Amino acid sequence: MKDHIWQRVMEIGNYILKSGATVRDTAKVFGVSKSTVHKDVTERLPKVNAHLANEVKKVLEVNKAERHLRGGEATRQKFRTQNPL
């Protein structure tokens, strides 16, 4: 693995762990695609730092379990701004 990729993988892993960010939010912060973030944390990070990979996996599982709530809230906010009472 090239040095810049290794460095990005570690930065992404640490960012997700510290902030609890979603894959989408992390992709925006690092200027890469969601696919790249996902590949970094699921395939590359375990090869670099298995402990960090396990911790990040826990955060992503929580995010996945809560995504329907965030989606519902986003839809609710969208319609509130479009059709104020």
PDB file of N, CA and C in Angstrom:
ATOM      1  N   MET A   1       0.847  -1.172   0.000  1.00  0.00           N
ATOM      2  CA  MET A   1       0.000   0.000   0.000  1.00  0.00           C
ATOM      3  C   MET A   1       0.894   1.237   0.000  1.00  0.00           C
ATOM      4  N   LYS A   2       0.568   2.183  -0.846  1.00  0.00           N
ATOM      5  CA  LYS A   2       1.366   3.402  -0.943  1.00  0.00           C
ATOM      6  C   LYS A   2       1.207   4.238   0.322  1.00  0.00           C
ATOM      7  N   ASP A   3       2.214   5.037   0.595  1.00  0.00           N
ATOM      8  CA  ASP A   3       2.231   5.823   1.833  1.00  0.00           C
ATOM      9  C   ASP A   3       1.051   6.770   1.958  1.00  0.00           C
ATOM     10  N   HIS A   4       0.687   7.445   0.860  1.00  0.00           N
ATOM     11  CA  HIS A   4      -0.417   8.401   0.960  1.00  0.00           C
ATOM     12  C   HIS A   4      -1.753   7.696   1.224  1.00  0.00           C
ATOM     13  N   ILE A   5      -1.909   6.496   0.695  1.00  0.00           N
ATOM     14  CA  ILE A   5      -3.131   5.738   0.948  1.00  0.00           C
ATOM     15  C   ILE A   5      -3.142   5.267   2.400  1.00  0.00           C
ATOM     16  N   TRP A   6      -2.011   4.758   2.876  1.00  0.00           N
ATOM     17  CA  TRP A   6      -1.906   4.304   4.255  1.00  0.00           C
ATOM     18  C   TRP A   6      -2.231   5.448   5.211  1.00  0.00           C
ATOM     19  N   GLN A   7      -1.695   6.613   4.918  1.00  0.00           N
ATOM     20  CA  GLN A   7      -1.939   7.782   5.765  1.00  0.00           C
ATOM     21  C   GLN A   7      -3.417   8.168   5.749  1.00  0.00           C
ATOM     22  N   ARG A   8      -4.046   8.167   4.561  1.00  0.00           N
ATOM     23  CA  ARG A   8      -5.463   8.502   4.460  1.00  0.00           C
ATOM     24  C   ARG A   8      -6.317   7.501   5.225  1.00  0.00           C
ATOM     25  N   VAL A   9      -5.997   6.234   5.119  1.00  0.00           N
ATOM     26  CA  VAL A   9      -6.748   5.187   5.809  1.00  0.00           C
ATOM     27  C   VAL A   9      -6.716   5.429   7.320  1.00  0.00           C
ATOM     28  N   MET A  10      -5.545   5.742   7.846  1.00  0.00           N
ATOM     29  CA  MET A  10      -5.416   5.995   9.286  1.00  0.00           C
ATOM     30  C   MET A  10      -6.173   7.263   9.680  1.00  0.00           C
ATOM     31  N   GLU A  11      -6.079   8.305   8.870  1.00  0.00           N
ATOM     32  CA  GLU A  11      -6.774   9.558   9.178  1.00  0.00           C
ATOM     33  C   GLU A  11      -8.288   9.361   9.162  1.00  0.00           C
ATOM     34  N   ILE A  12      -8.774   8.639   8.167  1.00  0.00           N
ATOM     35  CA  ILE A  12     -10.209   8.379   8.069  1.00  0.00           C
ATOM     36  C   ILE A  12     -10.675   7.547   9.260  1.00  0.00           C
ATOM     37  N   GLY A  13      -9.933   6.517   9.604  1.00  0.00           N
ATOM     38  CA  GLY A  13     -10.299   5.680  10.742  1.00  0.00           C
ATOM     39  C   GLY A  13     -10.355   6.474  12.035  1.00  0.00           C
ATOM     40  N   ASN A  14      -9.344   7.290  12.277  1.00  0.00           N
ATOM     41  CA  ASN A  14      -9.314   8.106  13.495  1.00  0.00           C
ATOM     42  C   ASN A  14     -10.431   9.144  13.496  1.00  0.00           C
ATOM     43  N   TYR A  15     -10.718   9.726  12.332  1.00  0.00           N
ATOM     44  CA  TYR A  15     -11.784  10.732  12.235  1.00  0.00           C
ATOM     45  C   TYR A  15     -13.149  10.125  12.576  1.00  0.00           C
ATOM     46  N   ILE A  16     -13.432   8.973  11.997  1.00  0.00           N
ATOM     47  CA  ILE A  16     -14.717   8.318  12.257  1.00  0.00           C
ATOM     48  C   ILE A  16     -14.827   7.945  13.730  1.00  0.00           C
ATOM     49  N   LEU A  17     -13.748   7.436  14.296  1.00  0.00           N
ATOM     50  CA  LEU A  17     -13.780   7.025  15.695  1.00  0.00           C
ATOM     51  C   LEU A  17     -13.994   8.210  16.624  1.00  0.00           C
ATOM     52  N   LYS A  18     -13.316   9.322  16.372  1.00  0.00           N
ATOM     53  CA  LYS A  18     -13.419  10.486  17.257  1.00  0.00           C
ATOM     54  C   LYS A  18     -14.733  11.239  17.084  1.00  0.00           C
ATOM     55  N   SER A  19     -15.207  11.341  15.846  1.00  0.00           N
ATOM     56  CA  SER A  19     -16.386  12.174  15.592  1.00  0.00           C
ATOM     57  C   SER A  19     -17.690  11.383  15.487  1.00  0.00           C
ATOM     58  N   GLY A  20     -17.601  10.085  15.253  1.00  0.00           N
ATOM     59  CA  GLY A  20     -18.805   9.293  15.046  1.00  0.00           C
ATOM     60  C   GLY A  20     -19.466   9.596  13.714  1.00  0.00           C
ATOM     61  N   ALA A  21     -18.703  10.131  12.780  1.00  0.00           N
ATOM     62  CA  ALA A  21     -19.234  10.568  11.495  1.00  0.00           C
ATOM     63  C   ALA A  21     -19.700   9.389  10.639  1.00  0.00           C
ATOM     64  N   THR A  22     -20.627   9.693   9.753  1.00  0.00           N
ATOM     65  CA  THR A  22     -21.098   8.696   8.793  1.00  0.00           C
ATOM     66  C   THR A  22     -20.111   8.607   7.641  1.00  0.00           C
ATOM     67  N   VAL A  23     -20.273   7.576   6.821  1.00  0.00           N
ATOM     68  CA  VAL A  23     -19.420   7.416   5.642  1.00  0.00           C
ATOM     69  C   VAL A  23     -19.590   8.625   4.719  1.00  0.00           C
ATOM     70  N   ARG A  24     -20.820   9.079   4.539  1.00  0.00           N
ATOM     71  CA  ARG A  24     -21.090  10.223   3.665  1.00  0.00           C
ATOM     72  C   ARG A  24     -20.406  11.490   4.176  1.00  0.00           C
ATOM     73  N   ASP A  25     -20.523  11.761   5.470  1.00  0.00           N
ATOM     74  CA  ASP A  25     -19.883  12.950   6.045  1.00  0.00           C
ATOM     75  C   ASP A  25     -18.367  12.861   5.951  1.00  0.00           C
ATOM     76  N   THR A  26     -17.832  11.683   6.205  1.00  0.00           N
ATOM     77  CA  THR A  26     -16.385  11.487   6.127  1.00  0.00           C
ATOM     78  C   THR A  26     -15.889  11.702   4.706  1.00  0.00           C
ATOM     79  N   ALA A  27     -16.631  11.211   3.730  1.00  0.00           N
ATOM     80  CA  ALA A  27     -16.244  11.384   2.333  1.00  0.00           C
ATOM     81  C   ALA A  27     -16.177  12.866   1.968  1.00  0.00           C
ATOM     82  N   LYS A  28     -17.128  13.643   2.456  1.00  0.00           N
ATOM     83  CA  LYS A  28     -17.123  15.084   2.181  1.00  0.00           C
ATOM     84  C   LYS A  28     -15.917  15.760   2.802  1.00  0.00           C
ATOM     85  N   VAL A  29     -15.596  15.405   4.032  1.00  0.00           N
ATOM     86  CA  VAL A  29     -14.472  16.028   4.739  1.00  0.00           C
ATOM     87  C   VAL A  29     -13.149  15.721   4.046  1.00  0.00           C
ATOM     88  N   PHE A  30     -12.974  14.484   3.597  1.00  0.00           N
ATOM     89  CA  PHE A  30     -11.705  14.076   3.006  1.00  0.00           C
ATOM     90  C   PHE A  30     -11.655  14.249   1.491  1.00  0.00           C
ATOM     91  N   GLY A  31     -12.762  14.641   0.889  1.00  0.00           N
ATOM     92  CA  GLY A  31     -12.774  14.883  -0.552  1.00  0.00           C
ATOM     93  C   GLY A  31     -12.617  13.627  -1.387  1.00  0.00           C
ATOM     94  N   VAL A  32     -13.162  12.521  -0.898  1.00  0.00           N
ATOM     95  CA  VAL A  32     -13.133  11.264  -1.640  1.00  0.00           C
ATOM     96  C   VAL A  32     -14.566  10.735  -1.737  1.00  0.00           C
ATOM     97  N   SER A  33     -14.745   9.669  -2.486  1.00  0.00           N
ATOM     98  CA  SER A  33     -16.086   9.104  -2.642  1.00  0.00           C
ATOM     99  C   SER A  33     -16.471   8.247  -1.437  1.00  0.00           C
ATOM    100  N   LYS A  34     -17.764   7.998  -1.303  1.00  0.00           N
ATOM    101  CA  LYS A  34     -18.242   7.119  -0.238  1.00  0.00           C
ATOM    102  C   LYS A  34     -17.662   5.717  -0.426  1.00  0.00           C
ATOM    103  N   SER A  35     -17.522   5.295  -1.666  1.00  0.00           N
ATOM    104  CA  SER A  35     -16.958   3.973  -1.950  1.00  0.00           C
ATOM    105  C   SER A  35     -15.524   3.863  -1.450  1.00  0.00           C
ATOM    106  N   THR A  36     -14.765   4.946  -1.619  1.00  0.00           N
ATOM    107  CA  THR A  36     -13.380   4.954  -1.161  1.00  0.00           C
ATOM    108  C   THR A  36     -13.316   4.867   0.359  1.00  0.00           C
ATOM    109  N   VAL A  37     -14.158   5.625   1.037  1.00  0.00           N
ATOM    110  CA  VAL A  37     -14.182   5.580   2.505  1.00  0.00           C
ATOM    111  C   VAL A  37     -14.551   4.175   2.956  1.00  0.00           C
ATOM    112  N   HIS A  38     -15.569   3.608   2.348  1.00  0.00           N
ATOM    113  CA  HIS A  38     -16.013   2.268   2.728  1.00  0.00           C
ATOM    114  C   HIS A  38     -14.905   1.246   2.512  1.00  0.00           C
ATOM    115  N   LYS A  39     -14.249   1.307   1.373  1.00  0.00           N
ATOM    116  CA  LYS A  39     -13.161   0.368   1.083  1.00  0.00           C
ATOM    117  C   LYS A  39     -12.008   0.565   2.061  1.00  0.00           C
ATOM    118  N   ASP A  40     -11.708   1.826   2.367  1.00  0.00           N
ATOM    119  CA  ASP A  40     -10.629   2.112   3.303  1.00  0.00           C
ATOM    120  C   ASP A  40     -10.889   1.487   4.670  1.00  0.00           C
ATOM    121  N   VAL A  41     -12.098   1.633   5.185  1.00  0.00           N
ATOM    122  CA  VAL A  41     -12.360   1.157   6.547  1.00  0.00           C
ATOM    123  C   VAL A  41     -12.691  -0.332   6.619  1.00  0.00           C
ATOM    124  N   THR A  42     -13.172  -0.924   5.532  1.00  0.00           N
ATOM    125  CA  THR A  42     -13.534  -2.341   5.599  1.00  0.00           C
ATOM    126  C   THR A  42     -12.438  -3.266   5.080  1.00  0.00           C
ATOM    127  N   GLU A  43     -11.634  -2.812   4.136  1.00  0.00           N
ATOM    128  CA  GLU A  43     -10.606  -3.681   3.554  1.00  0.00           C
ATOM    129  C   GLU A  43      -9.187  -3.274   3.941  1.00  0.00           C
ATOM    130  N   ARG A  44      -8.888  -1.994   3.860  1.00  0.00           N
ATOM    131  CA  ARG A  44      -7.515  -1.551   4.079  1.00  0.00           C
ATOM    132  C   ARG A  44      -7.173  -1.365   5.552  1.00  0.00           C
ATOM    133  N   LEU A  45      -8.070  -0.775   6.318  1.00  0.00           N
ATOM    134  CA  LEU A  45      -7.784  -0.488   7.721  1.00  0.00           C
ATOM    135  C   LEU A  45      -7.487  -1.753   8.535  1.00  0.00           C
ATOM    136  N   PRO A  46      -8.206  -2.853   8.352  1.00  0.00           N
ATOM    137  CA  PRO A  46      -7.863  -4.056   9.119  1.00  0.00           C
ATOM    138  C   PRO A  46      -6.437  -4.551   8.863  1.00  0.00           C
ATOM    139  N   LYS A  47      -5.909  -4.296   7.689  1.00  0.00           N
ATOM    140  CA  LYS A  47      -4.537  -4.705   7.379  1.00  0.00           C
ATOM    141  C   LYS A  47      -3.518  -3.793   8.055  1.00  0.00           C
ATOM    142  N   VAL A  48      -3.914  -2.546   8.270  1.00  0.00           N
ATOM    143  CA  VAL A  48      -3.003  -1.553   8.846  1.00  0.00           C
ATOM    144  C   VAL A  48      -3.083  -1.568  10.373  1.00  0.00           C
ATOM    145  N   ASN A  49      -4.309  -1.545  10.908  1.00  0.00           N
ATOM    146  CA  ASN A  49      -4.502  -1.447  12.347  1.00  0.00           C
ATOM    147  C   ASN A  49      -5.814  -2.161  12.705  1.00  0.00           C
ATOM    148  N   ALA A  50      -5.704  -3.416  13.113  1.00  0.00           N
ATOM    149  CA  ALA A  50      -6.888  -4.240  13.359  1.00  0.00           C
ATOM    150  C   ALA A  50      -7.724  -3.698  14.519  1.00  0.00           C
ATOM    151  N   HIS A  51      -7.083  -3.204  15.558  1.00  0.00           N
ATOM    152  CA  HIS A  51      -7.829  -2.678  16.709  1.00  0.00           C
ATOM    153  C   HIS A  51      -8.665  -1.463  16.308  1.00  0.00           C
ATOM    154  N   LEU A  52      -8.051  -0.532  15.597  1.00  0.00           N
ATOM    155  CA  LEU A  52      -8.772   0.651  15.132  1.00  0.00           C
ATOM    156  C   LEU A  52      -9.917   0.242  14.203  1.00  0.00           C
ATOM    157  N   ALA A  53      -9.666  -0.733  13.345  1.00  0.00           N
ATOM    158  CA  ALA A  53     -10.696  -1.202  12.420  1.00  0.00           C
ATOM    159  C   ALA A  53     -11.913  -1.736  13.174  1.00  0.00           C
ATOM    160  N   ASN A  54     -11.696  -2.461  14.256  1.00  0.00           N
ATOM    161  CA  ASN A  54     -12.814  -2.992  15.050  1.00  0.00           C
ATOM    162  C   ASN A  54     -13.606  -1.873  15.711  1.00  0.00           C
ATOM    163  N   GLU A  55     -12.916  -0.863  16.205  1.00  0.00           N
ATOM    164  CA  GLU A  55     -13.596   0.269  16.843  1.00  0.00           C
ATOM    165  C   GLU A  55     -14.415   1.064  15.823  1.00  0.00           C
ATOM    166  N   VAL A  56     -13.839   1.278  14.644  1.00  0.00           N
ATOM    167  CA  VAL A  56     -14.538   2.004  13.582  1.00  0.00           C
ATOM    168  C   VAL A  56     -15.751   1.209  13.124  1.00  0.00           C
ATOM    169  N   LYS A  57     -15.615  -0.094  13.049  1.00  0.00           N
ATOM    170  CA  LYS A  57     -16.729  -0.950  12.636  1.00  0.00           C
ATOM    171  C   LYS A  57     -17.916  -0.788  13.582  1.00  0.00           C
ATOM    172  N   LYS A  58     -17.642  -0.670  14.875  1.00  0.00           N
ATOM    173  CA  LYS A  58     -18.715  -0.472  15.854  1.00  0.00           C
ATOM    174  C   LYS A  58     -19.444   0.849  15.602  1.00  0.00           C
ATOM    175  N   VAL A  59     -18.682   1.907  15.318  1.00  0.00           N
ATOM    176  CA  VAL A  59     -19.286   3.217  15.045  1.00  0.00           C
ATOM    177  C   VAL A  59     -20.159   3.136  13.803  1.00  0.00           C
ATOM    178  N   LEU A  60     -19.651   2.490  12.757  1.00  0.00           N
ATOM    179  CA  LEU A  60     -20.413   2.391  11.511  1.00  0.00           C
ATOM    180  C   LEU A  60     -21.672   1.541  11.680  1.00  0.00           C
ATOM    181  N   GLU A  61     -21.618   0.533  12.535  1.00  0.00           N
ATOM    182  CA  GLU A  61     -22.809  -0.281  12.788  1.00  0.00           C
ATOM    183  C   GLU A  61     -23.885   0.540  13.496  1.00  0.00           C
ATOM    184  N   VAL A  62     -23.474   1.389  14.422  1.00  0.00           N
ATOM    185  CA  VAL A  62     -24.429   2.281  15.093  1.00  0.00           C
ATOM    186  C   VAL A  62     -25.046   3.231  14.073  1.00  0.00           C
ATOM    187  N   ASN A  63     -24.188   3.822  13.219  1.00  0.00           N
ATOM    188  CA  ASN A  63     -24.692   4.736  12.188  1.00  0.00           C
ATOM    189  C   ASN A  63     -25.681   4.039  11.266  1.00  0.00           C
ATOM    190  N   LYS A  64     -25.378   2.800  10.911  1.00  0.00           N
ATOM    191  CA  LYS A  64     -26.264   2.061  10.023  1.00  0.00           C
ATOM    192  C   LYS A  64     -27.606   1.783  10.704  1.00  0.00           C
ATOM    193  N   ALA A  65     -27.553   1.469  11.988  1.00  0.00           N
ATOM    194  CA  ALA A  65     -28.784   1.184  12.733  1.00  0.00           C
ATOM    195  C   ALA A  65     -29.650   2.437  12.880  1.00  0.00           C
ATOM    196  N   GLU A  66     -29.026   3.602  12.887  1.00  0.00           N
ATOM    197  CA  GLU A  66     -29.764   4.851  13.089  1.00  0.00           C
ATOM    198  C   GLU A  66     -30.102   5.585  11.798  1.00  0.00           C
ATOM    199  N   ARG A  67     -29.675   5.076  10.669  1.00  0.00           N
ATOM    200  CA  ARG A  67     -29.836   5.846   9.430  1.00  0.00           C
ATOM    201  C   ARG A  67     -31.284   6.101   9.059  1.00  0.00           C
ATOM    202  N   HIS A  68     -32.168   5.193   9.390  1.00  0.00           N
ATOM    203  CA  HIS A  68     -33.585   5.423   9.073  1.00  0.00           C
ATOM    204  C   HIS A  68     -34.134   6.595   9.878  1.00  0.00           C
ATOM    205  N   LEU A  69     -33.602   6.823  11.054  1.00  0.00           N
ATOM    206  CA  LEU A  69     -34.037   7.965  11.861  1.00  0.00           C
ATOM    207  C   LEU A  69     -33.543   9.273  11.256  1.00  0.00           C
ATOM    208  N   ARG A  70     -32.278   9.289  10.818  1.00  0.00           N
ATOM    209  CA  ARG A  70     -31.731  10.500  10.195  1.00  0.00           C
ATOM    210  C   ARG A  70     -32.449  10.808   8.889  1.00  0.00           C
ATOM    211  N   GLY A  71     -32.770   9.779   8.128  1.00  0.00           N
ATOM    212  CA  GLY A  71     -33.480   9.985   6.865  1.00  0.00           C
ATOM    213  C   GLY A  71     -34.872  10.536   7.097  1.00  0.00           C
ATOM    214  N   GLY A  72     -35.552  10.021   8.103  1.00  0.00           N
ATOM    215  CA  GLY A  72     -36.889  10.515   8.421  1.00  0.00           C
ATOM    216  C   GLY A  72     -36.850  11.957   8.878  1.00  0.00           C
ATOM    217  N   GLU A  73     -35.850  12.307   9.679  1.00  0.00           N
ATOM    218  CA  GLU A  73     -35.723  13.687  10.160  1.00  0.00           C
ATOM    219  C   GLU A  73     -35.404  14.634   9.003  1.00  0.00           C
ATOM    220  N   ALA A  74     -34.561  14.198   8.073  1.00  0.00           N
ATOM    221  CA  ALA A  74     -34.220  15.032   6.917  1.00  0.00           C
ATOM    222  C   ALA A  74     -35.459  15.303   6.066  1.00  0.00           C
ATOM    223  N   THR A  75     -36.283  14.287   5.874  1.00  0.00           N
ATOM    224  CA  THR A  75     -37.511  14.461   5.101  1.00  0.00           C
ATOM    225  C   THR A  75     -38.469  15.407   5.812  1.00  0.00           C
ATOM    226  N   ARG A  76     -38.573  15.250   7.117  1.00  0.00           N
ATOM    227  CA  ARG A  76     -39.447  16.119   7.907  1.00  0.00           C
ATOM    228  C   ARG A  76     -38.996  17.579   7.797  1.00  0.00           C
ATOM    229  N   GLN A  77     -37.705  17.823   7.896  1.00  0.00           N
ATOM    230  CA  GLN A  77     -37.179  19.184   7.790  1.00  0.00           C
ATOM    231  C   GLN A  77     -37.393  19.748   6.382  1.00  0.00           C
ATOM    232  N   LYS A  78     -37.248  18.910   5.387  1.00  0.00           N
ATOM    233  CA  LYS A  78     -37.448  19.347   3.999  1.00  0.00           C
ATOM    234  C   LYS A  78     -38.870  19.856   3.800  1.00  0.00           C
ATOM    235  N   PHE A  79     -39.848  19.123   4.281  1.00  0.00           N
ATOM    236  CA  PHE A  79     -41.233  19.524   4.071  1.00  0.00           C
ATOM    237  C   PHE A  79     -41.641  20.691   4.975  1.00  0.00           C
ATOM    238  N   ARG A  80     -41.011  20.839   6.110  1.00  0.00           N
ATOM    239  CA  ARG A  80     -41.296  21.981   6.966  1.00  0.00           C
ATOM    240  C   ARG A  80     -40.832  23.286   6.298  1.00  0.00           C
ATOM    241  N   THR A  81     -39.705  23.244   5.637  1.00  0.00           N
ATOM    242  CA  THR A  81     -39.207  24.466   4.968  1.00  0.00           C
ATOM    243  C   THR A  81     -39.972  24.761   3.692  1.00  0.00           C
ATOM    244  N   GLN A  82     -40.501  23.729   3.036  1.00  0.00           N
ATOM    245  CA  GLN A  82     -41.255  23.945   1.807  1.00  0.00           C
ATOM    246  C   GLN A  82     -42.690  24.386   2.070  1.00  0.00           C
ATOM    247  N   ASN A  83     -43.288  23.881   3.135  1.00  0.00           N
ATOM    248  CA  ASN A  83     -44.696  24.162   3.430  1.00  0.00           C
ATOM    249  C   ASN A  83     -44.848  24.649   4.874  1.00  0.00           C
ATOM    250  N   PRO A  84     -44.413  25.842   5.169  1.00  0.00           N
ATOM    251  CA  PRO A  84     -44.551  26.315   6.555  1.00  0.00           C
ATOM    252  C   PRO A  84     -46.020  26.509   6.930  1.00  0.00           C
ATOM    253  N   LEU A  85     -46.316  26.202   8.177  1.00  0.00           N
ATOM    254  CA  LEU A  85     -47.709  26.320   8.649  1.00  0.00           C
ATOM    255  C   LEU A  85     -48.046  27.706   9.084  1.00  0.00           C
TER     256      LEU A  85
END
